[in-house]
C-alpha atoms as a PDB file:
ATOM      1  CA  MET A   1    -105.772  19.626  32.028  1.00  0.00           C
ATOM      2  CA  GLU A   2    -102.638  17.622  31.550  1.00  0.00           C
ATOM      3  CA  LEU A   3     -99.911  17.655  34.167  1.00  0.00           C
ATOM      4  CA  GLU A   4     -96.387  17.722  32.768  1.00  0.00           C
ATOM      5  CA  ASN A   5     -94.697  16.388  35.907  1.00  0.00           C
ATOM      6  CA  LYS A   6     -95.795  12.770  36.446  1.00  0.00           C
ATOM      7  CA  ASN A   7     -94.686  12.966  40.108  1.00  0.00           C
ATOM      8  CA  TYR A   8     -96.955  15.943  40.829  1.00  0.00           C
ATOM      9  CA  LYS A   9     -99.667  15.051  43.321  1.00  0.00           C
ATOM     10  CA  GLU A  10    -102.628  17.346  43.885  1.00  0.00           C
ATOM     11  CA  ARG A  11    -104.811  16.729  46.926  1.00  0.00           C
ATOM     12  CA  ILE A  12    -108.549  17.038  46.698  1.00  0.00           C
ATOM     13  CA  LEU A  13    -110.192  18.409  49.818  1.00  0.00           C
ATOM     14  CA  ARG A  14    -113.738  17.526  50.749  1.00  0.00           C
ATOM     15  CA  LEU A  15    -116.144  20.125  52.136  1.00  0.00           C
ATOM     16  CA  THR A  16    -115.398  19.348  55.802  1.00  0.00           C
ATOM     17  CA  GLU A  17    -111.704  20.088  55.340  1.00  0.00           C
ATOM     18  CA  VAL A  18    -112.374  23.187  53.201  1.00  0.00           C
ATOM     19  CA  LYS A  19    -114.627  24.529  55.964  1.00  0.00           C
ATOM     20  CA  ALA A  20    -111.953  23.844  58.584  1.00  0.00           C
ATOM     21  CA  ARG A  21    -109.167  25.435  56.504  1.00  0.00           C
ATOM     22  CA  THR A  22    -111.127  28.563  55.572  1.00  0.00           C
ATOM     23  CA  GLY A  23    -113.379  29.075  58.588  1.00  0.00           C
ATOM     24  CA  LEU A  24    -116.345  29.495  56.237  1.00  0.00           C
ATOM     25  CA  SER A  25    -119.703  27.759  56.476  1.00  0.00           C
ATOM     26  CA  ARG A  26    -121.078  25.513  53.745  1.00  0.00           C
ATOM     27  CA  SER A  27    -123.588  28.116  52.605  1.00  0.00           C
ATOM     28  CA  THR A  28    -120.952  30.864  52.479  1.00  0.00           C
ATOM     29  CA  ILE A  29    -118.615  28.667  50.433  1.00  0.00           C
ATOM     30  CA  TYR A  30    -121.299  27.924  47.845  1.00  0.00           C
ATOM     31  CA  LEU A  31    -122.438  31.571  47.774  1.00  0.00           C
ATOM     32  CA  LYS A  32    -118.866  32.695  47.091  1.00  0.00           C
ATOM     33  CA  VAL A  33    -118.498  30.001  44.405  1.00  0.00           C
ATOM     34  CA  SER A  34    -121.668  31.239  42.694  1.00  0.00           C
ATOM     35  CA  LYS A  35    -120.341  34.824  42.708  1.00  0.00           C
ATOM     36  CA  GLY A  36    -116.925  33.757  41.417  1.00  0.00           C
ATOM     37  CA  HIS A  37    -115.166  34.704  44.668  1.00  0.00           C
ATOM     38  CA  PHE A  38    -114.071  31.196  45.656  1.00  0.00           C
ATOM     39  CA  PRO A  39    -112.550  28.273  43.735  1.00  0.00           C
ATOM     40  CA  ARG A  40    -115.049  26.054  41.950  1.00  0.00           C
ATOM     41  CA  PRO A  41    -115.326  22.469  43.178  1.00  0.00           C
ATOM     42  CA  VAL A  42    -114.257  19.489  41.091  1.00  0.00           C
ATOM     43  CA  ASN A  43    -117.006  17.009  40.305  1.00  0.00           C
ATOM     44  CA  LEU A  44    -115.958  13.624  41.709  1.00  0.00           C
ATOM     45  CA  GLY A  45    -119.161  11.738  41.093  1.00  0.00           C
ATOM     46  CA  GLU A  46    -122.902  12.038  40.889  1.00  0.00           C
ATOM     47  CA  ARG A  47    -123.259  13.633  44.332  1.00  0.00           C
ATOM     48  CA  CYS A  48    -119.667  14.211  45.340  1.00  0.00           C
ATOM     49  CA  VAL A  49    -117.383  17.239  44.920  1.00  0.00           C
ATOM     50  CA  GLY A  50    -114.030  18.354  46.236  1.00  0.00           C
ATOM     51  CA  TRP A  51    -111.680  21.307  45.931  1.00  0.00           C
ATOM     52  CA  LEU A  52    -108.074  21.385  44.757  1.00  0.00           C
ATOM     53  CA  GLU A  53    -105.852  22.036  47.756  1.00  0.00           C
ATOM     54  CA  SER A  54    -103.600  24.364  45.752  1.00  0.00           C
ATOM     55  CA  GLU A  55    -106.567  26.562  44.773  1.00  0.00           C
ATOM     56  CA  ILE A  56    -107.773  26.758  48.385  1.00  0.00           C
ATOM     57  CA  ASP A  57    -104.238  27.652  49.536  1.00  0.00           C
ATOM     58  CA  THR A  58    -104.037  30.398  46.885  1.00  0.00           C
ATOM     59  CA  TRP A  59    -107.431  31.769  47.945  1.00  0.00           C
ATOM     60  CA  ILE A  60    -106.346  31.860  51.613  1.00  0.00           C
ATOM     61  CA  VAL A  61    -103.113  33.703  50.727  1.00  0.00           C
ATOM     62  CA  GLY A  62    -105.170  36.208  48.700  1.00  0.00           C
ATOM     63  CA  CYS A  63    -107.419  36.875  51.698  1.00  0.00           C
ATOM     64  CA  ILE A  64    -104.401  37.464  53.912  1.00  0.00           C
ATOM     65  CA  GLU A  65    -102.847  39.860  51.392  1.00  0.00           C
ATOM     66  CA  LYS A  66    -106.102  41.837  51.072  1.00  0.00           C
ATOM     67  CA  SER A  67    -106.535  42.126  54.831  1.00  0.00           C
ATOM     68  CA  ARG A  68    -102.974  43.303  55.480  1.00  0.00           C
ATOM     69  CA  PRO A  69    -102.101  46.222  53.247  1.00  0.00           C
ATOM     70  CA  SER A  70     -98.401  46.749  52.799  1.00  0.00           C
ATOM     71  CA  ILE A  71     -96.800  49.516  54.832  1.00  0.00           C
ATOM     72  CA  PRO A  72     -94.711  51.881  52.721  1.00  0.00           C
ATOM     73  CA  ASN A  73     -91.017  51.896  53.531  1.00  0.00           C
ATOM     74  CA  THR A  74     -90.166  55.353  54.923  1.00  0.00           C
ATOM     75  CA  SER A  75     -86.395  54.803  55.190  1.00  0.00           C
END
C-alpha cells in the first residue's frame, strides 16, 4: 500500500489501546478477527502486532450505526 500524501500519518494501536477503545476482551477481538468481523492486525515483528487506528475508528462507527437504526422522518 502506497500513501499518496507524504504528510499522512497513520497511528498503530497496540492491543491494550484497542481493548480500551472498543471495550472488547483480547479473546473476543481475535475471535472477531478470525470470523472477519473485526479489522486484521498489522504484523510489526515476530511476536508483535498492532491495528490501524483508522480501521478501528471505522469499525466503532459501524457498530454505532448498527445499534441505532435511523428513525424515519414523518414530517
